[in-house]
Amino acid sequence: MHVVLKKSLNTKAKNKGDDAVMNLTDQLTKITEEWKTSKRLNPSDLFVIGTSTSEVGGHHIGTDGSTDVAKQIFDAFIDLSHQENIELAFQCCEHLNRALVVERHVQKTHRLTEVAVVPHKKAGGSMATYAYQQMEDSVVVEQVEADAGIDIGETMIGMHLKPVAVPMRLKQNYLNKARVNAAYTRPKLIGGVRATYE
């Protein structure tokens, strides 16, 4: 995946909120390290990321999106995707029915339904918009069945997870002001009393 070179964040005189943004790297590193050590990710897994950059900044979801926050989150999970050989899907906001931004090869491989829309800050959200702009050949798809995922700021990713979803309780369960929830999935157990699972 081609990613535009990282740009430095604005380093003008900072208020308390700016300091919080600058400190996201340490928290994101802890979150991605927990995913790596969990051994819950397998090569070619599809990983959904739902993010409210407003909530990260301490504001109500959908009210104060931040490209700087989106960039830091994108960079952290792109690094994770390279290290774990997984594919990413960035969830748009409710205005786009929580559609997702993926690379075209992911859409083709998983036979996902493409939809005709270009995310922007007010319809899609800052995170999905940034991902759409940075991916090499981005498309928007209606729905996925992801193998695992993370929800930063109560964005409700459950509709895009395979059954059966299993909560992954992260020690780093906040990103600045936003609550962080995570889940992986497992196959359904079938067969009744005579079935074995080991």
C-alpha atoms as a PDB file:
ATOM      1  CA  MET A   1       0.000   0.000   0.000  1.00  0.00           C
ATOM      2  CA  HIS A   2       1.387   3.412  -0.968  1.00  0.00           C
ATOM      3  CA  VAL A   3       1.195   6.004   1.766  1.00  0.00           C
ATOM      4  CA  VAL A   4       2.048   9.654   1.335  1.00  0.00           C
ATOM      5  CA  LEU A   5       5.079  10.664   3.396  1.00  0.00           C
ATOM      6  CA  LYS A   6       4.217  11.790   6.881  1.00  0.00           C
ATOM      7  CA  LYS A   7       3.943  15.533   7.356  1.00  0.00           C
ATOM      8  CA  SER A   8       4.898  17.177  10.615  1.00  0.00           C
ATOM      9  CA  LEU A   9       2.021  18.434  12.753  1.00  0.00           C
ATOM     10  CA  ASN A  10       1.555  22.148  13.271  1.00  0.00           C
ATOM     11  CA  THR A  11       3.931  23.109  16.066  1.00  0.00           C
ATOM     12  CA  LYS A  12       2.697  26.643  16.713  1.00  0.00           C
ATOM     13  CA  ALA A  13       1.997  27.726  20.276  1.00  0.00           C
ATOM     14  CA  LYS A  14      -0.119  24.937  21.729  1.00  0.00           C
ATOM     15  CA  ASN A  15      -2.998  24.949  24.144  1.00  0.00           C
ATOM     16  CA  LYS A  16      -3.950  21.999  26.307  1.00  0.00           C
ATOM     17  CA  GLY A  17      -5.925  20.392  23.475  1.00  0.00           C
ATOM     18  CA  ASP A  18      -2.944  20.600  21.111  1.00  0.00           C
ATOM     19  CA  ASP A  19      -0.747  18.871  23.691  1.00  0.00           C
ATOM     20  CA  ALA A  20      -3.283  16.051  23.858  1.00  0.00           C
ATOM     21  CA  VAL A  21      -3.130  15.617  20.083  1.00  0.00           C
ATOM     22  CA  MET A  22       0.669  15.567  20.111  1.00  0.00           C
ATOM     23  CA  ASN A  23       0.620  12.802  22.731  1.00  0.00           C
ATOM     24  CA  LEU A  24      -1.494  10.341  20.720  1.00  0.00           C
ATOM     25  CA  THR A  25       1.534   8.467  19.410  1.00  0.00           C
ATOM     26  CA  ASP A  26       2.357   6.789  22.732  1.00  0.00           C
ATOM     27  CA  GLN A  27      -1.228   5.662  23.269  1.00  0.00           C
ATOM     28  CA  LEU A  28      -1.572   4.417  19.685  1.00  0.00           C
ATOM     29  CA  THR A  29       1.655   2.463  20.035  1.00  0.00           C
ATOM     30  CA  LYS A  30       0.304   0.757  23.164  1.00  0.00           C
ATOM     31  CA  ILE A  31      -2.933  -0.120  21.355  1.00  0.00           C
ATOM     32  CA  THR A  32      -1.234  -1.573  18.282  1.00  0.00           C
ATOM     33  CA  GLU A  33       1.291  -3.456  20.423  1.00  0.00           C
ATOM     34  CA  GLU A  34      -1.584  -5.066  22.312  1.00  0.00           C
ATOM     35  CA  TRP A  35      -3.021  -6.238  19.006  1.00  0.00           C
ATOM     36  CA  LYS A  36       0.318  -7.693  17.946  1.00  0.00           C
ATOM     37  CA  THR A  37       0.897  -9.572  21.194  1.00  0.00           C
ATOM     38  CA  SER A  38      -2.690 -10.853  21.296  1.00  0.00           C
ATOM     39  CA  LYS A  39      -1.997 -13.238  18.386  1.00  0.00           C
ATOM     40  CA  ARG A  40      -5.580 -12.639  17.245  1.00  0.00           C
ATOM     41  CA  LEU A  41      -4.584 -11.318  13.813  1.00  0.00           C
ATOM     42  CA  ASN A  42      -3.804 -13.629  10.908  1.00  0.00           C
ATOM     43  CA  PRO A  43      -2.325 -12.781   7.499  1.00  0.00           C
ATOM     44  CA  SER A  44      -4.948 -11.397   5.079  1.00  0.00           C
ATOM     45  CA  ASP A  45      -7.448 -10.713   7.879  1.00  0.00           C
ATOM     46  CA  LEU A  46      -9.774  -7.794   7.259  1.00  0.00           C
ATOM     47  CA  PHE A  47      -9.596  -5.265  10.102  1.00  0.00           C
ATOM     48  CA  VAL A  48     -12.257  -2.566  10.483  1.00  0.00           C
ATOM     49  CA  ILE A  49     -11.456   0.780  12.097  1.00  0.00           C
ATOM     50  CA  GLY A  50     -14.214   3.080  13.303  1.00  0.00           C
ATOM     51  CA  THR A  51     -13.072   6.429  14.641  1.00  0.00           C
ATOM     52  CA  SER A  52     -14.572   9.665  15.872  1.00  0.00           C
ATOM     53  CA  THR A  53     -11.741  12.175  15.796  1.00  0.00           C
ATOM     54  CA  SER A  54     -14.128  14.585  17.540  1.00  0.00           C
ATOM     55  CA  GLU A  55     -14.428  12.235  20.515  1.00  0.00           C
ATOM     56  CA  VAL A  56     -10.643  11.833  20.627  1.00  0.00           C
ATOM     57  CA  GLY A  57     -10.435  15.597  21.052  1.00  0.00           C
ATOM     58  CA  GLY A  58     -13.033  15.607  23.823  1.00  0.00           C
ATOM     59  CA  HIS A  59     -15.970  16.766  21.698  1.00  0.00           C
ATOM     60  CA  HIS A  60     -19.297  15.164  20.819  1.00  0.00           C
ATOM     61  CA  ILE A  61     -19.111  12.771  17.883  1.00  0.00           C
ATOM     62  CA  GLY A  62     -19.502  14.522  14.536  1.00  0.00           C
ATOM     63  CA  THR A  63     -18.919  18.052  15.813  1.00  0.00           C
ATOM     64  CA  ASP A  64     -15.193  18.811  15.638  1.00  0.00           C
ATOM     65  CA  GLY A  65     -13.320  16.448  13.323  1.00  0.00           C
ATOM     66  CA  SER A  66      -9.538  16.641  13.088  1.00  0.00           C
ATOM     67  CA  THR A  67      -7.327  15.759  10.142  1.00  0.00           C
ATOM     68  CA  ASP A  68      -4.273  15.763  12.433  1.00  0.00           C
ATOM     69  CA  VAL A  69      -5.867  13.128  14.669  1.00  0.00           C
ATOM     70  CA  ALA A  70      -6.962  11.112  11.629  1.00  0.00           C
ATOM     71  CA  LYS A  71      -3.420  11.181  10.254  1.00  0.00           C
ATOM     72  CA  GLN A  72      -1.892   9.824  13.449  1.00  0.00           C
ATOM     73  CA  ILE A  73      -4.442   7.008  13.672  1.00  0.00           C
ATOM     74  CA  PHE A  74      -4.055   6.172   9.976  1.00  0.00           C
ATOM     75  CA  ASP A  75      -0.272   6.018  10.243  1.00  0.00           C
ATOM     76  CA  ALA A  76      -0.422   3.785  13.333  1.00  0.00           C
ATOM     77  CA  PHE A  77      -2.748   1.247  11.738  1.00  0.00           C
ATOM     78  CA  ILE A  78      -0.974   1.304   8.385  1.00  0.00           C
ATOM     79  CA  ASP A  79       2.159   0.304  10.311  1.00  0.00           C
ATOM     80  CA  LEU A  80       0.192  -2.470  12.032  1.00  0.00           C
ATOM     81  CA  SER A  81      -1.154  -3.680   8.686  1.00  0.00           C
ATOM     82  CA  HIS A  82       2.360  -3.934   7.261  1.00  0.00           C
ATOM     83  CA  GLN A  83       3.705  -5.754  10.310  1.00  0.00           C
ATOM     84  CA  GLU A  84       0.806  -8.222  10.568  1.00  0.00           C
ATOM     85  CA  ASN A  85      -0.004  -8.473   6.838  1.00  0.00           C
ATOM     86  CA  ILE A  86      -3.655  -7.530   7.328  1.00  0.00           C
ATOM     87  CA  GLU A  87      -6.071  -5.431   5.255  1.00  0.00           C
ATOM     88  CA  LEU A  88      -7.778  -2.298   6.588  1.00  0.00           C
ATOM     89  CA  ALA A  89     -11.302  -0.928   6.222  1.00  0.00           C
ATOM     90  CA  PHE A  90     -12.023   2.570   7.563  1.00  0.00           C
ATOM     91  CA  GLN A  91     -15.646   3.105   8.531  1.00  0.00           C
ATOM     92  CA  CYS A  92     -17.448   6.262   7.435  1.00  0.00           C
ATOM     93  CA  CYS A  93     -19.916   8.058   9.677  1.00  0.00           C
ATOM     94  CA  GLU A  94     -23.665   7.514   9.922  1.00  0.00           C
ATOM     95  CA  HIS A  95     -24.378  10.038   7.123  1.00  0.00           C
ATOM     96  CA  LEU A  96     -22.924   7.513   4.661  1.00  0.00           C
ATOM     97  CA  ASN A  97     -24.647   4.564   6.380  1.00  0.00           C
ATOM     98  CA  ARG A  98     -21.305   3.541   7.900  1.00  0.00           C
ATOM     99  CA  ALA A  99     -19.911   2.536   4.514  1.00  0.00           C
ATOM    100  CA  LEU A 100     -16.180   1.787   4.450  1.00  0.00           C
ATOM    101  CA  VAL A 101     -13.046   2.924   2.652  1.00  0.00           C
ATOM    102  CA  VAL A 102     -10.811   0.117   1.384  1.00  0.00           C
ATOM    103  CA  GLU A 103      -8.192  -0.439  -1.274  1.00  0.00           C
ATOM    104  CA  ARG A 104      -9.650  -1.585  -4.589  1.00  0.00           C
ATOM    105  CA  HIS A 105      -7.809  -4.902  -4.428  1.00  0.00           C
ATOM    106  CA  VAL A 106      -9.555  -5.586  -1.094  1.00  0.00           C
ATOM    107  CA  GLN A 107     -12.917  -4.805  -2.691  1.00  0.00           C
ATOM    108  CA  LYS A 108     -12.141  -7.189  -5.548  1.00  0.00           C
ATOM    109  CA  THR A 109     -10.732  -9.980  -3.371  1.00  0.00           C
ATOM    110  CA  HIS A 110     -13.673  -9.974  -0.964  1.00  0.00           C
ATOM    111  CA  ARG A 111     -16.243  -9.259  -3.701  1.00  0.00           C
ATOM    112  CA  LEU A 112     -17.554  -6.247  -1.811  1.00  0.00           C
ATOM    113  CA  THR A 113     -20.276  -3.991  -3.193  1.00  0.00           C
ATOM    114  CA  GLU A 114     -18.820  -0.653  -4.266  1.00  0.00           C
ATOM    115  CA  VAL A 115     -20.908   2.488  -3.740  1.00  0.00           C
ATOM    116  CA  ALA A 116     -20.549   5.807  -5.561  1.00  0.00           C
ATOM    117  CA  VAL A 117     -19.555   8.457  -3.046  1.00  0.00           C
ATOM    118  CA  VAL A 118     -16.494  10.454  -2.036  1.00  0.00           C
ATOM    119  CA  PRO A 119     -16.220  10.883   1.739  1.00  0.00           C
ATOM    120  CA  HIS A 120     -15.637  14.355   3.132  1.00  0.00           C
ATOM    121  CA  LYS A 121     -15.488  15.807   6.607  1.00  0.00           C
ATOM    122  CA  LYS A 122     -19.235  16.495   6.924  1.00  0.00           C
ATOM    123  CA  ALA A 123     -20.406  13.274   5.246  1.00  0.00           C
ATOM    124  CA  GLY A 124     -18.032  10.437   5.930  1.00  0.00           C
ATOM    125  CA  GLY A 125     -15.979  11.951   8.707  1.00  0.00           C
ATOM    126  CA  SER A 126     -12.367  13.056   9.045  1.00  0.00           C
ATOM    127  CA  MET A 127     -10.969   9.535   9.490  1.00  0.00           C
ATOM    128  CA  ALA A 128     -12.572   7.972   6.413  1.00  0.00           C
ATOM    129  CA  THR A 129     -11.869  11.103   4.379  1.00  0.00           C
ATOM    130  CA  TYR A 130      -8.181  11.004   5.249  1.00  0.00           C
ATOM    131  CA  ALA A 131      -7.967   7.281   4.487  1.00  0.00           C
ATOM    132  CA  TYR A 132      -9.702   7.800   1.128  1.00  0.00           C
ATOM    133  CA  GLN A 133      -7.171  10.490   0.218  1.00  0.00           C
ATOM    134  CA  GLN A 134      -4.114   8.511   1.319  1.00  0.00           C
ATOM    135  CA  MET A 135      -4.808   5.036  -0.030  1.00  0.00           C
ATOM    136  CA  GLU A 136      -3.285   4.173  -3.380  1.00  0.00           C
ATOM    137  CA  ASP A 137      -6.544   3.128  -5.093  1.00  0.00           C
ATOM    138  CA  SER A 138      -9.346   3.752  -2.628  1.00  0.00           C
ATOM    139  CA  VAL A 139     -12.994   2.828  -3.062  1.00  0.00           C
ATOM    140  CA  VAL A 140     -16.021   2.965  -0.794  1.00  0.00           C
ATOM    141  CA  VAL A 141     -17.948  -0.235  -0.129  1.00  0.00           C
ATOM    142  CA  GLU A 142     -21.332  -0.763   1.442  1.00  0.00           C
ATOM    143  CA  GLN A 143     -20.489  -3.448   3.973  1.00  0.00           C
ATOM    144  CA  VAL A 144     -17.800  -5.897   5.075  1.00  0.00           C
ATOM    145  CA  GLU A 145     -17.541  -8.923   7.340  1.00  0.00           C
ATOM    146  CA  ALA A 146     -14.293  -8.166   9.118  1.00  0.00           C
ATOM    147  CA  ASP A 147     -12.219 -10.622  11.132  1.00  0.00           C
ATOM    148  CA  ALA A 148     -11.394  -8.062  13.818  1.00  0.00           C
ATOM    149  CA  GLY A 149     -11.729  -4.383  14.516  1.00  0.00           C
ATOM    150  CA  ILE A 150     -11.393  -1.386  16.774  1.00  0.00           C
ATOM    151  CA  ASP A 151     -13.911   1.290  17.721  1.00  0.00           C
ATOM    152  CA  ILE A 152     -12.442   4.607  18.832  1.00  0.00           C
ATOM    153  CA  GLY A 153     -15.124   6.921  20.187  1.00  0.00           C
ATOM    154  CA  GLU A 154     -18.307   4.798  20.127  1.00  0.00           C
ATOM    155  CA  THR A 155     -18.736   4.609  16.337  1.00  0.00           C
ATOM    156  CA  MET A 156     -20.495   1.209  16.374  1.00  0.00           C
ATOM    157  CA  ILE A 157     -18.459  -1.138  14.170  1.00  0.00           C
ATOM    158  CA  GLY A 158     -20.465  -4.236  15.119  1.00  0.00           C
ATOM    159  CA  MET A 159     -22.452  -4.270  11.870  1.00  0.00           C
ATOM    160  CA  HIS A 160     -19.180  -4.919  10.014  1.00  0.00           C
ATOM    161  CA  LEU A 161     -17.833  -7.827  12.095  1.00  0.00           C
ATOM    162  CA  LYS A 162     -18.257 -11.506  11.300  1.00  0.00           C
ATOM    163  CA  PRO A 163     -20.173 -13.595  13.783  1.00  0.00           C
ATOM    164  CA  VAL A 164     -19.116 -14.482  16.411  1.00  0.00           C
ATOM    165  CA  ALA A 165     -17.550 -11.291  17.801  1.00  0.00           C
ATOM    166  CA  VAL A 166     -15.457 -11.661  20.959  1.00  0.00           C
ATOM    167  CA  PRO A 167     -14.502  -8.573  23.014  1.00  0.00           C
ATOM    168  CA  MET A 168     -10.788  -7.903  23.319  1.00  0.00           C
ATOM    169  CA  ARG A 169     -10.225  -5.966  26.505  1.00  0.00           C
ATOM    170  CA  LEU A 170      -7.422  -3.538  25.814  1.00  0.00           C
ATOM    171  CA  LYS A 171      -5.403  -2.175  28.709  1.00  0.00           C
ATOM    172  CA  GLN A 172      -5.094   1.068  26.740  1.00  0.00           C
ATOM    173  CA  ASN A 173      -8.855   1.554  26.519  1.00  0.00           C
ATOM    174  CA  TYR A 174      -8.863   5.291  25.860  1.00  0.00           C
ATOM    175  CA  LEU A 175      -7.328   7.353  23.080  1.00  0.00           C
ATOM    176  CA  ASN A 176      -7.081  10.737  24.727  1.00  0.00           C
ATOM    177  CA  LYS A 177     -10.774  11.416  25.547  1.00  0.00           C
ATOM    178  CA  ALA A 178     -12.305   8.670  23.380  1.00  0.00           C
ATOM    179  CA  ARG A 179     -13.232   5.254  24.712  1.00  0.00           C
ATOM    180  CA  VAL A 180     -11.677   2.385  22.785  1.00  0.00           C
ATOM    181  CA  ASN A 181     -13.391  -0.961  22.246  1.00  0.00           C
ATOM    182  CA  ALA A 182     -11.968  -3.859  20.261  1.00  0.00           C
ATOM    183  CA  ALA A 183     -13.063  -7.281  19.089  1.00  0.00           C
ATOM    184  CA  TYR A 184     -11.874 -10.304  17.185  1.00  0.00           C
ATOM    185  CA  THR A 185     -14.116 -13.009  15.761  1.00  0.00           C
ATOM    186  CA  ARG A 186     -14.314 -16.784  15.887  1.00  0.00           C
ATOM    187  CA  PRO A 187     -16.223 -19.407  13.873  1.00  0.00           C
ATOM    188  CA  LYS A 188     -19.626 -20.440  15.170  1.00  0.00           C
ATOM    189  CA  LEU A 189     -19.665 -23.569  17.325  1.00  0.00           C
ATOM    190  CA  ILE A 190     -22.134 -26.038  15.819  1.00  0.00           C
ATOM    191  CA  GLY A 191     -23.295 -29.616  16.297  1.00  0.00           C
ATOM    192  CA  GLY A 192     -24.766 -30.004  19.771  1.00  0.00           C
ATOM    193  CA  VAL A 193     -23.777 -32.460  22.508  1.00  0.00           C
ATOM    194  CA  ARG A 194     -21.913 -34.929  20.255  1.00  0.00           C
ATOM    195  CA  ALA A 195     -19.706 -32.308  18.626  1.00  0.00           C
ATOM    196  CA  THR A 196     -16.084 -31.680  19.609  1.00  0.00           C
ATOM    197  CA  TYR A 197     -14.174 -28.456  19.152  1.00  0.00           C
ATOM    198  CA  GLU A 198     -10.545 -29.366  19.836  1.00  0.00           C
END
